[in-house]
Amino acid sequence: MRLNEIRYTDSRPVDGYGPGFFRIGGEVVEGPVTVLPTGVAPWGGYADTAALIAAVGVLDVVFVGTGAQIVHIPAAFREAIEAAGIGVEIMSSPAACRTYNVLLSEGRRVGLALIPV
């Protein structure tokens, strides 16, 4: 078996998470957060679509981590993001982090909007 070191180009991977926080590229960020090709920033929740929509052109899909369990998101949130041409995938935050890291390592144009576990 051959092992290759993963190299991330512009974006930072999610290194870990716990109650109320995420560790992104070695930095601990508390509370809800967006992880986009343009950077890492606090997220205001489902009413806050501005940063996600601003990433149009550098982002193809955003994984929305809904916390420890997968839950429905507001239709207005999904509609606003999809109207900008960005795909939306809903999953638990742990699953969103894992999926994001895999696709990021492949050079895909992905982002995260995460609610802590």
PDB file of N, CA and C in Angstrom:
ATOM      1  N   MET A   1       0.846  -1.168   0.000  1.00  0.00           N
ATOM      2  CA  MET A   1       0.000   0.000   0.000  1.00  0.00           C
ATOM      3  C   MET A   1       0.896   1.238   0.000  1.00  0.00           C
ATOM      4  N   ARG A   2       0.516   2.189  -0.810  1.00  0.00           N
ATOM      5  CA  ARG A   2       1.281   3.430  -0.908  1.00  0.00           C
ATOM      6  C   ARG A   2       0.503   4.540  -0.211  1.00  0.00           C
ATOM      7  N   LEU A   3       1.160   5.274   0.670  1.00  0.00           N
ATOM      8  CA  LEU A   3       0.543   6.393   1.371  1.00  0.00           C
ATOM      9  C   LEU A   3       1.101   7.695   0.841  1.00  0.00           C
ATOM     10  N   ASN A   4       0.226   8.634   0.608  1.00  0.00           N
ATOM     11  CA  ASN A   4       0.637   9.955   0.137  1.00  0.00           C
ATOM     12  C   ASN A   4       0.236  10.994   1.155  1.00  0.00           C
ATOM     13  N   GLU A   5       1.094  11.961   1.350  1.00  0.00           N
ATOM     14  CA  GLU A   5       0.761  13.065   2.243  1.00  0.00           C
ATOM     15  C   GLU A   5      -0.235  13.975   1.535  1.00  0.00           C
ATOM     16  N   ILE A   6      -1.279  14.356   2.244  1.00  0.00           N
ATOM     17  CA  ILE A   6      -2.281  15.249   1.671  1.00  0.00           C
ATOM     18  C   ILE A   6      -1.789  16.677   1.807  1.00  0.00           C
ATOM     19  N   ARG A   7      -1.879  17.419   0.726  1.00  0.00           N
ATOM     20  CA  ARG A   7      -1.499  18.831   0.744  1.00  0.00           C
ATOM     21  C   ARG A   7      -2.716  19.653   0.368  1.00  0.00           C
ATOM     22  N   TYR A   8      -3.009  20.617   1.200  1.00  0.00           N
ATOM     23  CA  TYR A   8      -4.121  21.513   0.934  1.00  0.00           C
ATOM     24  C   TYR A   8      -3.558  22.791   0.364  1.00  0.00           C
ATOM     25  N   THR A   9      -4.156  23.278  -0.700  1.00  0.00           N
ATOM     26  CA  THR A   9      -3.617  24.455  -1.374  1.00  0.00           C
ATOM     27  C   THR A   9      -4.056  25.741  -0.678  1.00  0.00           C
ATOM     28  N   ASP A  10      -5.225  26.251  -0.997  1.00  0.00           N
ATOM     29  CA  ASP A  10      -5.652  27.542  -0.470  1.00  0.00           C
ATOM     30  C   ASP A  10      -6.453  27.429   0.824  1.00  0.00           C
ATOM     31  N   SER A  11      -7.333  26.462   0.918  1.00  0.00           N
ATOM     32  CA  SER A  11      -8.223  26.339   2.076  1.00  0.00           C
ATOM     33  C   SER A  11      -7.580  25.507   3.174  1.00  0.00           C
ATOM     34  N   ARG A  12      -8.192  25.592   4.359  1.00  0.00           N
ATOM     35  CA  ARG A  12      -7.668  24.860   5.504  1.00  0.00           C
ATOM     36  C   ARG A  12      -8.617  23.725   5.878  1.00  0.00           C
ATOM     37  N   PRO A  13      -8.073  22.561   6.230  1.00  0.00           N
ATOM     38  CA  PRO A  13      -8.920  21.435   6.610  1.00  0.00           C
ATOM     39  C   PRO A  13      -9.437  21.589   8.039  1.00  0.00           C
ATOM     40  N   VAL A  14     -10.470  20.822   8.349  1.00  0.00           N
ATOM     41  CA  VAL A  14     -10.974  20.752   9.719  1.00  0.00           C
ATOM     42  C   VAL A  14     -10.173  19.659  10.412  1.00  0.00           C
ATOM     43  N   ASP A  15      -9.417  20.045  11.442  1.00  0.00           N
ATOM     44  CA  ASP A  15      -8.560  19.102  12.159  1.00  0.00           C
ATOM     45  C   ASP A  15      -9.301  18.385  13.277  1.00  0.00           C
ATOM     46  N   GLY A  16     -10.362  19.004  13.789  1.00  0.00           N
ATOM     47  CA  GLY A  16     -11.097  18.389  14.887  1.00  0.00           C
ATOM     48  C   GLY A  16     -12.277  19.247  15.290  1.00  0.00           C
ATOM     49  N   TYR A  17     -13.082  18.706  16.203  1.00  0.00           N
ATOM     50  CA  TYR A  17     -14.249  19.430  16.705  1.00  0.00           C
ATOM     51  C   TYR A  17     -14.613  18.851  18.055  1.00  0.00           C
ATOM     52  N   GLY A  18     -15.385  19.612  18.790  1.00  0.00           N
ATOM     53  CA  GLY A  18     -15.851  19.170  20.098  1.00  0.00           C
ATOM     54  C   GLY A  18     -17.019  20.029  20.519  1.00  0.00           C
ATOM     55  N   PRO A  19     -17.437  19.889  21.773  1.00  0.00           N
ATOM     56  CA  PRO A  19     -18.591  20.671  22.238  1.00  0.00           C
ATOM     57  C   PRO A  19     -18.347  22.173  22.113  1.00  0.00           C
ATOM     58  N   GLY A  20     -18.993  22.799  21.141  1.00  0.00           N
ATOM     59  CA  GLY A  20     -18.932  24.242  20.989  1.00  0.00           C
ATOM     60  C   GLY A  20     -17.773  24.788  20.179  1.00  0.00           C
ATOM     61  N   PHE A  21     -16.916  23.935  19.608  1.00  0.00           N
ATOM     62  CA  PHE A  21     -15.758  24.462  18.878  1.00  0.00           C
ATOM     63  C   PHE A  21     -15.386  23.569  17.696  1.00  0.00           C
ATOM     64  N   PHE A  22     -14.576  24.166  16.798  1.00  0.00           N
ATOM     65  CA  PHE A  22     -13.951  23.454  15.693  1.00  0.00           C
ATOM     66  C   PHE A  22     -12.482  23.836  15.679  1.00  0.00           C
ATOM     67  N   ARG A  23     -11.600  22.925  15.271  1.00  0.00           N
ATOM     68  CA  ARG A  23     -10.186  23.246  15.060  1.00  0.00           C
ATOM     69  C   ARG A  23      -9.960  23.179  13.552  1.00  0.00           C
ATOM     70  N   ILE A  24      -9.666  24.337  12.977  1.00  0.00           N
ATOM     71  CA  ILE A  24      -9.557  24.478  11.526  1.00  0.00           C
ATOM     72  C   ILE A  24      -8.156  24.962  11.184  1.00  0.00           C
ATOM     73  N   GLY A  25      -7.427  24.134  10.476  1.00  0.00           N
ATOM     74  CA  GLY A  25      -6.052  24.488  10.131  1.00  0.00           C
ATOM     75  C   GLY A  25      -5.206  24.783  11.344  1.00  0.00           C
ATOM     76  N   GLY A  26      -5.457  24.082  12.456  1.00  0.00           N
ATOM     77  CA  GLY A  26      -4.690  24.255  13.681  1.00  0.00           C
ATOM     78  C   GLY A  26      -5.206  25.343  14.604  1.00  0.00           C
ATOM     79  N   GLU A  27      -6.189  26.111  14.182  1.00  0.00           N
ATOM     80  CA  GLU A  27      -6.736  27.216  14.977  1.00  0.00           C
ATOM     81  C   GLU A  27      -8.105  26.832  15.537  1.00  0.00           C
ATOM     82  N   VAL A  28      -8.313  27.060  16.816  1.00  0.00           N
ATOM     83  CA  VAL A  28      -9.597  26.766  17.440  1.00  0.00           C
ATOM     84  C   VAL A  28     -10.552  27.932  17.213  1.00  0.00           C
ATOM     85  N   VAL A  29     -11.751  27.600  16.720  1.00  0.00           N
ATOM     86  CA  VAL A  29     -12.797  28.585  16.479  1.00  0.00           C
ATOM     87  C   VAL A  29     -14.029  28.132  17.243  1.00  0.00           C
ATOM     88  N   GLU A  30     -14.549  28.997  18.093  1.00  0.00           N
ATOM     89  CA  GLU A  30     -15.717  28.649  18.892  1.00  0.00           C
ATOM     90  C   GLU A  30     -16.996  29.130  18.213  1.00  0.00           C
ATOM     91  N   GLY A  31     -18.050  28.334  18.362  1.00  0.00           N
ATOM     92  CA  GLY A  31     -19.356  28.699  17.828  1.00  0.00           C
ATOM     93  C   GLY A  31     -19.508  28.348  16.370  1.00  0.00           C
ATOM     94  N   PRO A  32     -20.639  28.735  15.789  1.00  0.00           N
ATOM     95  CA  PRO A  32     -20.881  28.470  14.365  1.00  0.00           C
ATOM     96  C   PRO A  32     -19.834  29.176  13.495  1.00  0.00           C
ATOM     97  N   VAL A  33     -19.459  28.524  12.399  1.00  0.00           N
ATOM     98  CA  VAL A  33     -18.360  29.029  11.578  1.00  0.00           C
ATOM     99  C   VAL A  33     -18.590  28.679  10.106  1.00  0.00           C
ATOM    100  N   THR A  34     -18.071  29.536   9.224  1.00  0.00           N
ATOM    101  CA  THR A  34     -17.994  29.202   7.803  1.00  0.00           C
ATOM    102  C   THR A  34     -16.537  28.964   7.454  1.00  0.00           C
ATOM    103  N   VAL A  35     -16.309  27.977   6.626  1.00  0.00           N
ATOM    104  CA  VAL A  35     -14.975  27.660   6.118  1.00  0.00           C
ATOM    105  C   VAL A  35     -15.098  27.682   4.602  1.00  0.00           C
ATOM    106  N   LEU A  36     -14.548  28.718   4.004  1.00  0.00           N
ATOM    107  CA  LEU A  36     -14.698  28.938   2.565  1.00  0.00           C
ATOM    108  C   LEU A  36     -13.328  29.127   1.933  1.00  0.00           C
ATOM    109  N   PRO A  37     -13.223  29.031   0.619  1.00  0.00           N
ATOM    110  CA  PRO A  37     -11.952  29.310  -0.041  1.00  0.00           C
ATOM    111  C   PRO A  37     -11.434  30.721   0.273  1.00  0.00           C
ATOM    112  N   THR A  38     -12.339  31.616   0.645  1.00  0.00           N
ATOM    113  CA  THR A  38     -11.953  32.993   0.961  1.00  0.00           C
ATOM    114  C   THR A  38     -11.533  33.180   2.414  1.00  0.00           C
ATOM    115  N   GLY A  39     -11.715  32.152   3.253  1.00  0.00           N
ATOM    116  CA  GLY A  39     -11.289  32.246   4.641  1.00  0.00           C
ATOM    117  C   GLY A  39     -12.269  31.635   5.622  1.00  0.00           C
ATOM    118  N   VAL A  40     -11.888  31.695   6.896  1.00  0.00           N
ATOM    119  CA  VAL A  40     -12.690  31.163   7.998  1.00  0.00           C
ATOM    120  C   VAL A  40     -13.279  32.347   8.756  1.00  0.00           C
ATOM    121  N   ALA A  41     -14.579  32.279   9.073  1.00  0.00           N
ATOM    122  CA  ALA A  41     -15.227  33.396   9.764  1.00  0.00           C
ATOM    123  C   ALA A  41     -16.380  32.880  10.619  1.00  0.00           C
ATOM    124  N   PRO A  42     -16.716  33.619  11.684  1.00  0.00           N
ATOM    125  CA  PRO A  42     -17.912  33.256  12.455  1.00  0.00           C
ATOM    126  C   PRO A  42     -19.137  33.289  11.545  1.00  0.00           C
ATOM    127  N   TRP A  43     -20.110  32.451  11.878  1.00  0.00           N
ATOM    128  CA  TRP A  43     -21.322  32.361  11.064  1.00  0.00           C
ATOM    129  C   TRP A  43     -22.526  32.706  11.922  1.00  0.00           C
ATOM    130  N   GLY A  44     -23.423  33.522  11.412  1.00  0.00           N
ATOM    131  CA  GLY A  44     -24.599  33.951  12.149  1.00  0.00           C
ATOM    132  C   GLY A  44     -25.771  32.999  12.063  1.00  0.00           C
ATOM    133  N   GLY A  45     -25.572  31.806  11.518  1.00  0.00           N
ATOM    134  CA  GLY A  45     -26.654  30.835  11.415  1.00  0.00           C
ATOM    135  C   GLY A  45     -27.408  30.966  10.105  1.00  0.00           C
ATOM    136  N   TYR A  46     -28.574  30.352  10.068  1.00  0.00           N
ATOM    137  CA  TYR A  46     -29.330  30.248   8.816  1.00  0.00           C
ATOM    138  C   TYR A  46     -29.789  31.587   8.253  1.00  0.00           C
ATOM    139  N   ALA A  47     -29.856  32.617   9.058  1.00  0.00           N
ATOM    140  CA  ALA A  47     -30.232  33.938   8.549  1.00  0.00           C
ATOM    141  C   ALA A  47     -29.060  34.634   7.857  1.00  0.00           C
ATOM    142  N   ASP A  48     -27.848  34.111   8.031  1.00  0.00           N
ATOM    143  CA  ASP A  48     -26.624  34.717   7.512  1.00  0.00           C
ATOM    144  C   ASP A  48     -26.172  33.994   6.239  1.00  0.00           C
ATOM    145  N   THR A  49     -26.617  34.493   5.093  1.00  0.00           N
ATOM    146  CA  THR A  49     -26.232  33.887   3.814  1.00  0.00           C
ATOM    147  C   THR A  49     -25.196  34.721   3.061  1.00  0.00           C
ATOM    148  N   ALA A  50     -24.875  35.899   3.557  1.00  0.00           N
ATOM    149  CA  ALA A  50     -24.035  36.847   2.808  1.00  0.00           C
ATOM    150  C   ALA A  50     -22.668  36.274   2.445  1.00  0.00           C
ATOM    151  N   ALA A  51     -21.958  35.695   3.406  1.00  0.00           N
ATOM    152  CA  ALA A  51     -20.612  35.176   3.126  1.00  0.00           C
ATOM    153  C   ALA A  51     -20.661  34.019   2.138  1.00  0.00           C
ATOM    154  N   LEU A  52     -21.685  33.184   2.247  1.00  0.00           N
ATOM    155  CA  LEU A  52     -21.800  32.051   1.330  1.00  0.00           C
ATOM    156  C   LEU A  52     -22.088  32.527  -0.090  1.00  0.00           C
ATOM    157  N   ILE A  53     -23.005  33.461  -0.221  1.00  0.00           N
ATOM    158  CA  ILE A  53     -23.344  33.986  -1.547  1.00  0.00           C
ATOM    159  C   ILE A  53     -22.161  34.760  -2.141  1.00  0.00           C
ATOM    160  N   ALA A  54     -21.387  35.436  -1.298  1.00  0.00           N
ATOM    161  CA  ALA A  54     -20.225  36.178  -1.776  1.00  0.00           C
ATOM    162  C   ALA A  54     -19.152  35.251  -2.346  1.00  0.00           C
ATOM    163  N   ALA A  55     -19.201  33.963  -1.996  1.00  0.00           N
ATOM    164  CA  ALA A  55     -18.206  33.005  -2.485  1.00  0.00           C
ATOM    165  C   ALA A  55     -18.569  32.422  -3.848  1.00  0.00           C
ATOM    166  N   VAL A  56     -19.641  32.932  -4.461  1.00  0.00           N
ATOM    167  CA  VAL A  56     -20.023  32.450  -5.789  1.00  0.00           C
ATOM    168  C   VAL A  56     -18.844  32.671  -6.740  1.00  0.00           C
ATOM    169  N   GLY A  57     -18.561  31.701  -7.561  1.00  0.00           N
ATOM    170  CA  GLY A  57     -17.417  31.788  -8.469  1.00  0.00           C
ATOM    171  C   GLY A  57     -16.199  31.042  -7.954  1.00  0.00           C
ATOM    172  N   VAL A  58     -16.091  30.881  -6.638  1.00  0.00           N
ATOM    173  CA  VAL A  58     -14.972  30.121  -6.056  1.00  0.00           C
ATOM    174  C   VAL A  58     -15.477  28.916  -5.271  1.00  0.00           C
ATOM    175  N   LEU A  59     -16.797  28.725  -5.278  1.00  0.00           N
ATOM    176  CA  LEU A  59     -17.418  27.671  -4.484  1.00  0.00           C
ATOM    177  C   LEU A  59     -18.494  26.980  -5.316  1.00  0.00           C
ATOM    178  N   ASP A  60     -18.443  25.656  -5.377  1.00  0.00           N
ATOM    179  CA  ASP A  60     -19.456  24.903  -6.109  1.00  0.00           C
ATOM    180  C   ASP A  60     -20.530  24.337  -5.185  1.00  0.00           C
ATOM    181  N   VAL A  61     -20.131  23.934  -3.992  1.00  0.00           N
ATOM    182  CA  VAL A  61     -21.079  23.337  -3.048  1.00  0.00           C
ATOM    183  C   VAL A  61     -20.673  23.702  -1.624  1.00  0.00           C
ATOM    184  N   VAL A  62     -21.674  23.908  -0.787  1.00  0.00           N
ATOM    185  CA  VAL A  62     -21.423  24.157   0.631  1.00  0.00           C
ATOM    186  C   VAL A  62     -22.088  23.032   1.411  1.00  0.00           C
ATOM    187  N   PHE A  63     -21.328  22.456   2.336  1.00  0.00           N
ATOM    188  CA  PHE A  63     -21.848  21.441   3.235  1.00  0.00           C
ATOM    189  C   PHE A  63     -22.311  22.139   4.502  1.00  0.00           C
ATOM    190  N   VAL A  64     -23.558  21.959   4.837  1.00  0.00           N
ATOM    191  CA  VAL A  64     -24.119  22.592   6.027  1.00  0.00           C
ATOM    192  C   VAL A  64     -24.175  21.542   7.124  1.00  0.00           C
ATOM    193  N   GLY A  65     -23.360  21.739   8.151  1.00  0.00           N
ATOM    194  CA  GLY A  65     -23.346  20.845   9.304  1.00  0.00           C
ATOM    195  C   GLY A  65     -24.330  21.353  10.334  1.00  0.00           C
ATOM    196  N   THR A  66     -25.337  20.551  10.638  1.00  0.00           N
ATOM    197  CA  THR A  66     -26.441  20.988  11.500  1.00  0.00           C
ATOM    198  C   THR A  66     -26.260  20.602  12.965  1.00  0.00           C
ATOM    199  N   GLY A  67     -25.043  20.313  13.382  1.00  0.00           N
ATOM    200  CA  GLY A  67     -24.792  19.916  14.763  1.00  0.00           C
ATOM    201  C   GLY A  67     -24.584  18.415  14.858  1.00  0.00           C
ATOM    202  N   ALA A  68     -24.893  17.854  16.021  1.00  0.00           N
ATOM    203  CA  ALA A  68     -24.664  16.430  16.250  1.00  0.00           C
ATOM    204  C   ALA A  68     -25.568  15.546  15.400  1.00  0.00           C
ATOM    205  N   GLN A  69     -26.748  16.026  15.088  1.00  0.00           N
ATOM    206  CA  GLN A  69     -27.717  15.269  14.296  1.00  0.00           C
ATOM    207  C   GLN A  69     -28.097  16.064  13.048  1.00  0.00           C
ATOM    208  N   ILE A  70     -28.500  15.359  12.018  1.00  0.00           N
ATOM    209  CA  ILE A  70     -28.989  16.035  10.822  1.00  0.00           C
ATOM    210  C   ILE A  70     -30.411  16.520  11.090  1.00  0.00           C
ATOM    211  N   VAL A  71     -30.667  17.769  10.741  1.00  0.00           N
ATOM    212  CA  VAL A  71     -31.998  18.356  10.914  1.00  0.00           C
ATOM    213  C   VAL A  71     -32.344  19.137   9.645  1.00  0.00           C
ATOM    214  N   HIS A  72     -33.610  19.445   9.481  1.00  0.00           N
ATOM    215  CA  HIS A  72     -34.037  20.251   8.335  1.00  0.00           C
ATOM    216  C   HIS A  72     -33.545  21.684   8.512  1.00  0.00           C
ATOM    217  N   ILE A  73     -33.210  22.311   7.401  1.00  0.00           N
ATOM    218  CA  ILE A  73     -32.810  23.718   7.429  1.00  0.00           C
ATOM    219  C   ILE A  73     -33.959  24.541   6.866  1.00  0.00           C
ATOM    220  N   PRO A  74     -33.991  25.838   7.171  1.00  0.00           N
ATOM    221  CA  PRO A  74     -35.048  26.686   6.617  1.00  0.00           C
ATOM    222  C   PRO A  74     -34.998  26.712   5.083  1.00  0.00           C
ATOM    223  N   ALA A  75     -36.152  26.621   4.456  1.00  0.00           N
ATOM    224  CA  ALA A  75     -36.229  26.628   2.991  1.00  0.00           C
ATOM    225  C   ALA A  75     -35.650  27.911   2.405  1.00  0.00           C
ATOM    226  N   ALA A  76     -35.851  29.035   3.082  1.00  0.00           N
ATOM    227  CA  ALA A  76     -35.343  30.320   2.580  1.00  0.00           C
ATOM    228  C   ALA A  76     -33.818  30.315   2.508  1.00  0.00           C
ATOM    229  N   PHE A  77     -33.160  29.665   3.457  1.00  0.00           N
ATOM    230  CA  PHE A  77     -31.693  29.574   3.452  1.00  0.00           C
ATOM    231  C   PHE A  77     -31.232  28.790   2.224  1.00  0.00           C
ATOM    232  N   ARG A  78     -31.794  27.611   2.034  1.00  0.00           N
ATOM    233  CA  ARG A  78     -31.420  26.776   0.887  1.00  0.00           C
ATOM    234  C   ARG A  78     -31.701  27.508  -0.426  1.00  0.00           C
ATOM    235  N   GLU A  79     -32.859  28.121  -0.554  1.00  0.00           N
ATOM    236  CA  GLU A  79     -33.241  28.804  -1.787  1.00  0.00           C
ATOM    237  C   GLU A  79     -32.298  29.956  -2.116  1.00  0.00           C
ATOM    238  N   ALA A  80     -31.880  30.715  -1.102  1.00  0.00           N
ATOM    239  CA  ALA A  80     -30.978  31.848  -1.330  1.00  0.00           C
ATOM    240  C   ALA A  80     -29.615  31.374  -1.841  1.00  0.00           C
ATOM    241  N   ILE A  81     -29.095  30.313  -1.259  1.00  0.00           N
ATOM    242  CA  ILE A  81     -27.776  29.799  -1.666  1.00  0.00           C
ATOM    243  C   ILE A  81     -27.863  29.187  -3.064  1.00  0.00           C
ATOM    244  N   GLU A  82     -28.893  28.379  -3.296  1.00  0.00           N
ATOM    245  CA  GLU A  82     -29.033  27.742  -4.607  1.00  0.00           C
ATOM    246  C   GLU A  82     -29.319  28.761  -5.709  1.00  0.00           C
ATOM    247  N   ALA A  83     -30.026  29.835  -5.390  1.00  0.00           N
ATOM    248  CA  ALA A  83     -30.296  30.881  -6.384  1.00  0.00           C
ATOM    249  C   ALA A  83     -29.005  31.555  -6.844  1.00  0.00           C
ATOM    250  N   ALA A  84     -27.985  31.548  -5.989  1.00  0.00           N
ATOM    251  CA  ALA A  84     -26.684  32.120  -6.339  1.00  0.00           C
ATOM    252  C   ALA A  84     -25.848  31.147  -7.173  1.00  0.00           C
ATOM    253  N   GLY A  85     -26.342  29.912  -7.348  1.00  0.00           N
ATOM    254  CA  GLY A  85     -25.612  28.938  -8.154  1.00  0.00           C
ATOM    255  C   GLY A  85     -24.701  28.029  -7.352  1.00  0.00           C
ATOM    256  N   ILE A  86     -24.910  27.954  -6.050  1.00  0.00           N
ATOM    257  CA  ILE A  86     -24.089  27.119  -5.174  1.00  0.00           C
ATOM    258  C   ILE A  86     -24.963  25.976  -4.660  1.00  0.00           C
ATOM    259  N   GLY A  87     -24.446  24.755  -4.752  1.00  0.00           N
ATOM    260  CA  GLY A  87     -25.168  23.604  -4.249  1.00  0.00           C
ATOM    261  C   GLY A  87     -25.144  23.559  -2.736  1.00  0.00           C
ATOM    262  N   VAL A  88     -26.168  22.971  -2.138  1.00  0.00           N
ATOM    263  CA  VAL A  88     -26.289  22.867  -0.680  1.00  0.00           C
ATOM    264  C   VAL A  88     -26.487  21.403  -0.309  1.00  0.00           C
ATOM    265  N   GLU A  89     -25.641  20.890   0.563  1.00  0.00           N
ATOM    266  CA  GLU A  89     -25.779  19.520   1.068  1.00  0.00           C
ATOM    267  C   GLU A  89     -25.873  19.589   2.591  1.00  0.00           C
ATOM    268  N   ILE A  90     -26.903  18.954   3.133  1.00  0.00           N
ATOM    269  CA  ILE A  90     -27.164  18.990   4.569  1.00  0.00           C
ATOM    270  C   ILE A  90     -26.710  17.684   5.193  1.00  0.00           C
ATOM    271  N   MET A  91     -26.005  17.758   6.309  1.00  0.00           N
ATOM    272  CA  MET A  91     -25.568  16.578   7.047  1.00  0.00           C
ATOM    273  C   MET A  91     -25.194  16.979   8.461  1.00  0.00           C
ATOM    274  N   SER A  92     -24.931  16.025   9.311  1.00  0.00           N
ATOM    275  CA  SER A  92     -24.464  16.358  10.659  1.00  0.00           C
ATOM    276  C   SER A  92     -23.102  17.043  10.527  1.00  0.00           C
ATOM    277  N   SER A  93     -22.721  17.812  11.530  1.00  0.00           N
ATOM    278  CA  SER A  93     -21.438  18.523  11.465  1.00  0.00           C
ATOM    279  C   SER A  93     -20.243  17.576  11.362  1.00  0.00           C
ATOM    280  N   PRO A  94     -20.197  16.464  12.127  1.00  0.00           N
ATOM    281  CA  PRO A  94     -19.067  15.544  11.944  1.00  0.00           C
ATOM    282  C   PRO A  94     -18.965  15.007  10.514  1.00  0.00           C
ATOM    283  N   ALA A  95     -20.090  14.621   9.922  1.00  0.00           N
ATOM    284  CA  ALA A  95     -20.077  14.112   8.548  1.00  0.00           C
ATOM    285  C   ALA A  95     -19.678  15.208   7.561  1.00  0.00           C
ATOM    286  N   ALA A  96     -20.149  16.427   7.791  1.00  0.00           N
ATOM    287  CA  ALA A  96     -19.798  17.546   6.917  1.00  0.00           C
ATOM    288  C   ALA A  96     -18.292  17.808   6.946  1.00  0.00           C
ATOM    289  N   CYS A  97     -17.697  17.753   8.124  1.00  0.00           N
ATOM    290  CA  CYS A  97     -16.248  17.976   8.250  1.00  0.00           C
ATOM    291  C   CYS A  97     -15.468  16.909   7.494  1.00  0.00           C
ATOM    292  N   ARG A  98     -15.850  15.652   7.661  1.00  0.00           N
ATOM    293  CA  ARG A  98     -15.146  14.561   6.970  1.00  0.00           C
ATOM    294  C   ARG A  98     -15.285  14.686   5.456  1.00  0.00           C
ATOM    295  N   THR A  99     -16.493  14.930   4.988  1.00  0.00           N
ATOM    296  CA  THR A  99     -16.736  15.048   3.551  1.00  0.00           C
ATOM    297  C   THR A  99     -15.958  16.217   2.966  1.00  0.00           C
ATOM    298  N   TYR A 100     -15.987  17.347   3.667  1.00  0.00           N
ATOM    299  CA  TYR A 100     -15.260  18.540   3.233  1.00  0.00           C
ATOM    300  C   TYR A 100     -13.764  18.237   3.098  1.00  0.00           C
ATOM    301  N   ASN A 101     -13.182  17.596   4.109  1.00  0.00           N
ATOM    302  CA  ASN A 101     -11.749  17.309   4.065  1.00  0.00           C
ATOM    303  C   ASN A 101     -11.373  16.418   2.890  1.00  0.00           C
ATOM    304  N   VAL A 102     -12.180  15.404   2.611  1.00  0.00           N
ATOM    305  CA  VAL A 102     -11.894  14.509   1.490  1.00  0.00           C
ATOM    306  C   VAL A 102     -11.946  15.273   0.169  1.00  0.00           C
ATOM    307  N   LEU A 103     -13.019  16.027  -0.042  1.00  0.00           N
ATOM    308  CA  LEU A 103     -13.150  16.755  -1.300  1.00  0.00           C
ATOM    309  C   LEU A 103     -12.134  17.881  -1.419  1.00  0.00           C
ATOM    310  N   LEU A 104     -11.796  18.507  -0.303  1.00  0.00           N
ATOM    311  CA  LEU A 104     -10.771  19.551  -0.314  1.00  0.00           C
ATOM    312  C   LEU A 104      -9.420  18.965  -0.731  1.00  0.00           C
ATOM    313  N   SER A 105      -9.109  17.768  -0.250  1.00  0.00           N
ATOM    314  CA  SER A 105      -7.840  17.125  -0.605  1.00  0.00           C
ATOM    315  C   SER A 105      -7.772  16.775  -2.087  1.00  0.00           C
ATOM    316  N   GLU A 106      -8.941  16.667  -2.721  1.00  0.00           N
ATOM    317  CA  GLU A 106      -9.002  16.403  -4.162  1.00  0.00           C
ATOM    318  C   GLU A 106      -8.990  17.687  -4.985  1.00  0.00           C
ATOM    319  N   GLY A 107      -8.906  18.819  -4.318  1.00  0.00           N
ATOM    320  CA  GLY A 107      -8.869  20.095  -5.018  1.00  0.00           C
ATOM    321  C   GLY A 107     -10.224  20.623  -5.433  1.00  0.00           C
ATOM    322  N   ARG A 108     -11.288  20.105  -4.834  1.00  0.00           N
ATOM    323  CA  ARG A 108     -12.641  20.548  -5.185  1.00  0.00           C
ATOM    324  C   ARG A 108     -12.936  21.914  -4.577  1.00  0.00           C
ATOM    325  N   ARG A 109     -13.901  22.609  -5.137  1.00  0.00           N
ATOM    326  CA  ARG A 109     -14.294  23.952  -4.684  1.00  0.00           C
ATOM    327  C   ARG A 109     -15.467  23.812  -3.712  1.00  0.00           C
ATOM    328  N   VAL A 110     -15.124  23.518  -2.452  1.00  0.00           N
ATOM    329  CA  VAL A 110     -16.137  23.221  -1.434  1.00  0.00           C
ATOM    330  C   VAL A 110     -16.004  24.184  -0.268  1.00  0.00           C
ATOM    331  N   GLY A 111     -17.097  24.309   0.477  1.00  0.00           N
ATOM    332  CA  GLY A 111     -17.112  25.146   1.669  1.00  0.00           C
ATOM    333  C   GLY A 111     -17.975  24.506   2.741  1.00  0.00           C
ATOM    334  N   LEU A 112     -17.903  25.096   3.930  1.00  0.00           N
ATOM    335  CA  LEU A 112     -18.632  24.597   5.084  1.00  0.00           C
ATOM    336  C   LEU A 112     -19.373  25.725   5.770  1.00  0.00           C
ATOM    337  N   ALA A 113     -20.538  25.411   6.297  1.00  0.00           N
ATOM    338  CA  ALA A 113     -21.250  26.263   7.239  1.00  0.00           C
ATOM    339  C   ALA A 113     -21.613  25.322   8.374  1.00  0.00           C
ATOM    340  N   LEU A 114     -21.029  25.543   9.546  1.00  0.00           N
ATOM    341  CA  LEU A 114     -21.099  24.551  10.613  1.00  0.00           C
ATOM    342  C   LEU A 114     -21.707  25.094  11.898  1.00  0.00           C
ATOM    343  N   ILE A 115     -22.569  24.283  12.497  1.00  0.00           N
ATOM    344  CA  ILE A 115     -23.068  24.508  13.855  1.00  0.00           C
ATOM    345  C   ILE A 115     -22.357  23.480  14.733  1.00  0.00           C
ATOM    346  N   PRO A 116     -21.791  23.902  15.854  1.00  0.00           N
ATOM    347  CA  PRO A 116     -21.045  22.951  16.690  1.00  0.00           C
ATOM    348  C   PRO A 116     -21.902  21.822  17.237  1.00  0.00           C
ATOM    349  N   VAL A 117     -21.234  20.724  17.573  1.00  0.00           N
ATOM    350  CA  VAL A 117     -21.905  19.582  18.208  1.00  0.00           C
ATOM    351  C   VAL A 117     -22.129  19.894  19.670  1.00  0.00           C
TER     352      VAL A 117
END
